[in-house]
Amino acid sequence: MLAFVLVLVLLLLPLPSIAAPTVPQSPVQQQATPAQQALERLFIEPHVQAGWFAESFLRQVPFAGIQPLLDSLKQSLGGLQEIRPGSDGFELRFEQGRVRSQITLNSQGQIATLFFAPPEISVALEDAIAAI
């Protein structure tokens, strides 16, 4: 009888809530093109990998210079928020600005060409006035 009462009491107690693990949100929509996914990977992953790039690209652009360029964009613009396709490439929207980009992939899905236009930094009006 005591065991029955203990089971009944345990069933009536509220269960502790268990938080679901957080998964980083992807700025790219689920139906993104391979080019959008490649751009996202450049800004989401902590370190670039040489295998992401075609040999033809790496003959023209030293691999050692890619990570510093991406880190510089991340530092000045903040986290990547969204990648929007456009008529001449993509617009990468960050927390503090945006960058237009063009990218092509080879048949293996590696980056064959990659271009970033100069960043357009969003500045609050008050900050712009203070700078003047």
C-alpha atoms as a PDB file:
ATOM      1  CA  MET A   1       0.000   0.000   0.000  1.00  0.00           C
ATOM      2  CA  LEU A   2       2.866   2.391   0.833  1.00  0.00           C
ATOM      3  CA  ALA A   3       4.434   1.712  -2.570  1.00  0.00           C
ATOM      4  CA  PHE A   4       1.120   2.566  -4.271  1.00  0.00           C
ATOM      5  CA  VAL A   5       0.907   5.883  -2.384  1.00  0.00           C
ATOM      6  CA  LEU A   6       4.523   6.776  -3.340  1.00  0.00           C
ATOM      7  CA  VAL A   7       3.836   6.042  -7.004  1.00  0.00           C
ATOM      8  CA  LEU A   8       0.669   8.126  -6.885  1.00  0.00           C
ATOM      9  CA  VAL A   9       2.532  11.043  -5.263  1.00  0.00           C
ATOM     10  CA  LEU A  10       5.327  10.844  -7.853  1.00  0.00           C
ATOM     11  CA  LEU A  11       2.792  10.907 -10.680  1.00  0.00           C
ATOM     12  CA  LEU A  12       1.177  14.041  -9.283  1.00  0.00           C
ATOM     13  CA  LEU A  13       4.453  15.976  -8.939  1.00  0.00           C
ATOM     14  CA  PRO A  14       5.266  18.321 -11.820  1.00  0.00           C
ATOM     15  CA  LEU A  15       8.088  17.163 -14.071  1.00  0.00           C
ATOM     16  CA  PRO A  16      11.137  19.411 -14.290  1.00  0.00           C
ATOM     17  CA  SER A  17      11.342  21.214 -17.587  1.00  0.00           C
ATOM     18  CA  ILE A  18      14.237  20.217 -19.766  1.00  0.00           C
ATOM     19  CA  ALA A  19      15.431  22.856 -22.185  1.00  0.00           C
ATOM     20  CA  ALA A  20      15.929  21.705 -25.743  1.00  0.00           C
ATOM     21  CA  PRO A  21      19.464  22.120 -27.041  1.00  0.00           C
ATOM     22  CA  THR A  22      19.927  25.304 -29.010  1.00  0.00           C
ATOM     23  CA  VAL A  23      20.891  24.985 -32.645  1.00  0.00           C
ATOM     24  CA  PRO A  24      22.519  27.970 -34.340  1.00  0.00           C
ATOM     25  CA  GLN A  25      20.109  29.619 -36.727  1.00  0.00           C
ATOM     26  CA  SER A  26      21.129  29.603 -40.348  1.00  0.00           C
ATOM     27  CA  PRO A  27      20.795  32.885 -42.248  1.00  0.00           C
ATOM     28  CA  VAL A  28      20.250  30.888 -45.441  1.00  0.00           C
ATOM     29  CA  GLN A  29      16.804  29.533 -46.195  1.00  0.00           C
ATOM     30  CA  GLN A  30      16.337  25.775 -46.392  1.00  0.00           C
ATOM     31  CA  GLN A  31      15.934  25.857 -50.181  1.00  0.00           C
ATOM     32  CA  ALA A  32      19.169  27.754 -50.705  1.00  0.00           C
ATOM     33  CA  THR A  33      21.303  27.218 -53.759  1.00  0.00           C
ATOM     34  CA  PRO A  34      24.699  25.543 -53.386  1.00  0.00           C
ATOM     35  CA  ALA A  35      26.303  28.965 -53.966  1.00  0.00           C
ATOM     36  CA  GLN A  36      24.340  30.472 -51.047  1.00  0.00           C
ATOM     37  CA  GLN A  37      25.306  27.539 -48.855  1.00  0.00           C
ATOM     38  CA  ALA A  38      28.975  27.997 -49.782  1.00  0.00           C
ATOM     39  CA  LEU A  39      28.812  31.704 -48.879  1.00  0.00           C
ATOM     40  CA  GLU A  40      27.113  30.932 -45.590  1.00  0.00           C
ATOM     41  CA  ARG A  41      29.752  28.331 -44.707  1.00  0.00           C
ATOM     42  CA  LEU A  42      32.470  30.963 -45.165  1.00  0.00           C
ATOM     43  CA  PHE A  43      30.902  33.135 -42.461  1.00  0.00           C
ATOM     44  CA  ILE A  44      29.414  30.529 -40.131  1.00  0.00           C
ATOM     45  CA  GLU A  45      32.279  28.057 -39.784  1.00  0.00           C
ATOM     46  CA  PRO A  46      35.115  29.229 -37.512  1.00  0.00           C
ATOM     47  CA  HIS A  47      37.883  28.289 -39.979  1.00  0.00           C
ATOM     48  CA  VAL A  48      37.993  27.953 -43.751  1.00  0.00           C
ATOM     49  CA  GLN A  49      39.261  24.754 -45.292  1.00  0.00           C
ATOM     50  CA  ALA A  50      41.353  24.494 -48.445  1.00  0.00           C
ATOM     51  CA  GLY A  51      39.046  21.748 -49.771  1.00  0.00           C
ATOM     52  CA  TRP A  52      36.238  24.295 -50.119  1.00  0.00           C
ATOM     53  CA  PHE A  53      38.157  26.011 -52.931  1.00  0.00           C
ATOM     54  CA  ALA A  54      39.026  24.870 -56.445  1.00  0.00           C
ATOM     55  CA  GLU A  55      42.726  24.496 -57.236  1.00  0.00           C
ATOM     56  CA  SER A  56      42.352  27.148 -59.950  1.00  0.00           C
ATOM     57  CA  PHE A  57      41.098  29.616 -57.319  1.00  0.00           C
ATOM     58  CA  LEU A  58      43.924  28.828 -54.894  1.00  0.00           C
ATOM     59  CA  ARG A  59      46.521  29.370 -57.660  1.00  0.00           C
ATOM     60  CA  GLN A  60      45.285  32.977 -57.895  1.00  0.00           C
ATOM     61  CA  VAL A  61      44.397  33.693 -54.250  1.00  0.00           C
ATOM     62  CA  PRO A  62      46.731  32.537 -51.472  1.00  0.00           C
ATOM     63  CA  PHE A  63      44.837  30.337 -49.018  1.00  0.00           C
ATOM     64  CA  ALA A  64      46.567  32.097 -46.106  1.00  0.00           C
ATOM     65  CA  GLY A  65      44.835  35.363 -47.065  1.00  0.00           C
ATOM     66  CA  ILE A  66      41.264  34.050 -47.088  1.00  0.00           C
ATOM     67  CA  GLN A  67      40.691  33.646 -43.326  1.00  0.00           C
ATOM     68  CA  PRO A  68      42.011  37.149 -42.463  1.00  0.00           C
ATOM     69  CA  LEU A  69      39.703  38.686 -45.093  1.00  0.00           C
ATOM     70  CA  LEU A  70      36.654  36.879 -43.714  1.00  0.00           C
ATOM     71  CA  ASP A  71      37.624  37.707 -40.126  1.00  0.00           C
ATOM     72  CA  SER A  72      37.958  41.377 -41.080  1.00  0.00           C
ATOM     73  CA  LEU A  73      34.461  41.413 -42.601  1.00  0.00           C
ATOM     74  CA  LYS A  74      33.014  39.678 -39.539  1.00  0.00           C
ATOM     75  CA  GLN A  75      34.764  42.084 -37.181  1.00  0.00           C
ATOM     76  CA  SER A  76      33.626  45.228 -38.967  1.00  0.00           C
ATOM     77  CA  LEU A  77      30.087  44.073 -39.855  1.00  0.00           C
ATOM     78  CA  GLY A  78      29.109  41.623 -37.123  1.00  0.00           C
ATOM     79  CA  GLY A  79      27.337  38.327 -37.641  1.00  0.00           C
ATOM     80  CA  LEU A  80      25.798  37.210 -40.895  1.00  0.00           C
ATOM     81  CA  GLN A  81      22.023  37.684 -40.851  1.00  0.00           C
ATOM     82  CA  GLU A  82      20.830  36.865 -44.355  1.00  0.00           C
ATOM     83  CA  ILE A  83      21.957  36.051 -47.880  1.00  0.00           C
ATOM     84  CA  ARG A  84      19.724  37.446 -50.612  1.00  0.00           C
ATOM     85  CA  PRO A  85      20.083  36.500 -54.280  1.00  0.00           C
ATOM     86  CA  GLY A  86      20.198  39.382 -56.716  1.00  0.00           C
ATOM     87  CA  SER A  87      20.532  39.939 -60.441  1.00  0.00           C
ATOM     88  CA  ASP A  88      24.331  40.143 -60.273  1.00  0.00           C
ATOM     89  CA  GLY A  89      25.161  37.852 -57.355  1.00  0.00           C
ATOM     90  CA  PHE A  90      24.205  37.985 -53.706  1.00  0.00           C
ATOM     91  CA  GLU A  91      23.713  40.555 -50.999  1.00  0.00           C
ATOM     92  CA  LEU A  92      25.091  39.445 -47.648  1.00  0.00           C
ATOM     93  CA  ARG A  93      23.362  41.254 -44.792  1.00  0.00           C
ATOM     94  CA  PHE A  94      25.229  41.485 -41.521  1.00  0.00           C
ATOM     95  CA  GLU A  95      24.340  43.006 -38.158  1.00  0.00           C
ATOM     96  CA  GLN A  96      26.043  46.295 -39.041  1.00  0.00           C
ATOM     97  CA  GLY A  97      26.063  46.484 -42.812  1.00  0.00           C
ATOM     98  CA  ARG A  98      26.015  44.594 -46.047  1.00  0.00           C
ATOM     99  CA  VAL A  99      28.309  43.327 -48.779  1.00  0.00           C
ATOM    100  CA  ARG A 100      27.561  42.429 -52.374  1.00  0.00           C
ATOM    101  CA  SER A 101      29.183  39.206 -53.475  1.00  0.00           C
ATOM    102  CA  GLN A 102      29.618  37.045 -56.532  1.00  0.00           C
ATOM    103  CA  ILE A 103      30.506  33.369 -56.360  1.00  0.00           C
ATOM    104  CA  THR A 104      30.688  30.432 -58.735  1.00  0.00           C
ATOM    105  CA  LEU A 105      31.244  26.792 -57.924  1.00  0.00           C
ATOM    106  CA  ASN A 106      32.926  24.118 -60.012  1.00  0.00           C
ATOM    107  CA  SER A 107      31.359  20.733 -60.758  1.00  0.00           C
ATOM    108  CA  GLN A 108      32.649  19.396 -57.405  1.00  0.00           C
ATOM    109  CA  GLY A 109      30.915  22.222 -55.496  1.00  0.00           C
ATOM    110  CA  GLN A 110      34.190  24.001 -54.718  1.00  0.00           C
ATOM    111  CA  ILE A 111      34.494  27.777 -54.907  1.00  0.00           C
ATOM    112  CA  ALA A 112      35.932  28.646 -58.323  1.00  0.00           C
ATOM    113  CA  THR A 113      35.430  32.426 -58.173  1.00  0.00           C
ATOM    114  CA  LEU A 114      34.660  34.684 -55.236  1.00  0.00           C
ATOM    115  CA  PHE A 115      34.267  38.447 -55.118  1.00  0.00           C
ATOM    116  CA  PHE A 116      33.276  40.784 -52.299  1.00  0.00           C
ATOM    117  CA  ALA A 117      32.442  44.433 -53.044  1.00  0.00           C
ATOM    118  CA  PRO A 118      33.489  47.031 -50.476  1.00  0.00           C
ATOM    119  CA  PRO A 119      31.237  46.771 -47.405  1.00  0.00           C
ATOM    120  CA  GLU A 120      28.400  49.221 -46.889  1.00  0.00           C
ATOM    121  CA  ILE A 121      28.416  49.883 -43.157  1.00  0.00           C
ATOM    122  CA  SER A 122      25.168  50.915 -41.501  1.00  0.00           C
ATOM    123  CA  VAL A 123      25.731  53.825 -39.167  1.00  0.00           C
ATOM    124  CA  ALA A 124      23.179  55.354 -36.845  1.00  0.00           C
ATOM    125  CA  LEU A 125      22.483  59.006 -37.622  1.00  0.00           C
ATOM    126  CA  GLU A 126      23.657  60.049 -34.147  1.00  0.00           C
ATOM    127  CA  ASP A 127      26.964  58.252 -34.647  1.00  0.00           C
ATOM    128  CA  ALA A 128      27.486  59.875 -38.042  1.00  0.00           C
ATOM    129  CA  ILE A 129      26.818  63.345 -36.593  1.00  0.00           C
ATOM    130  CA  ALA A 130      29.169  62.660 -33.690  1.00  0.00           C
ATOM    131  CA  ALA A 131      31.911  61.608 -36.111  1.00  0.00           C
ATOM    132  CA  ILE A 132      31.607  64.900 -38.002  1.00  0.00           C
END
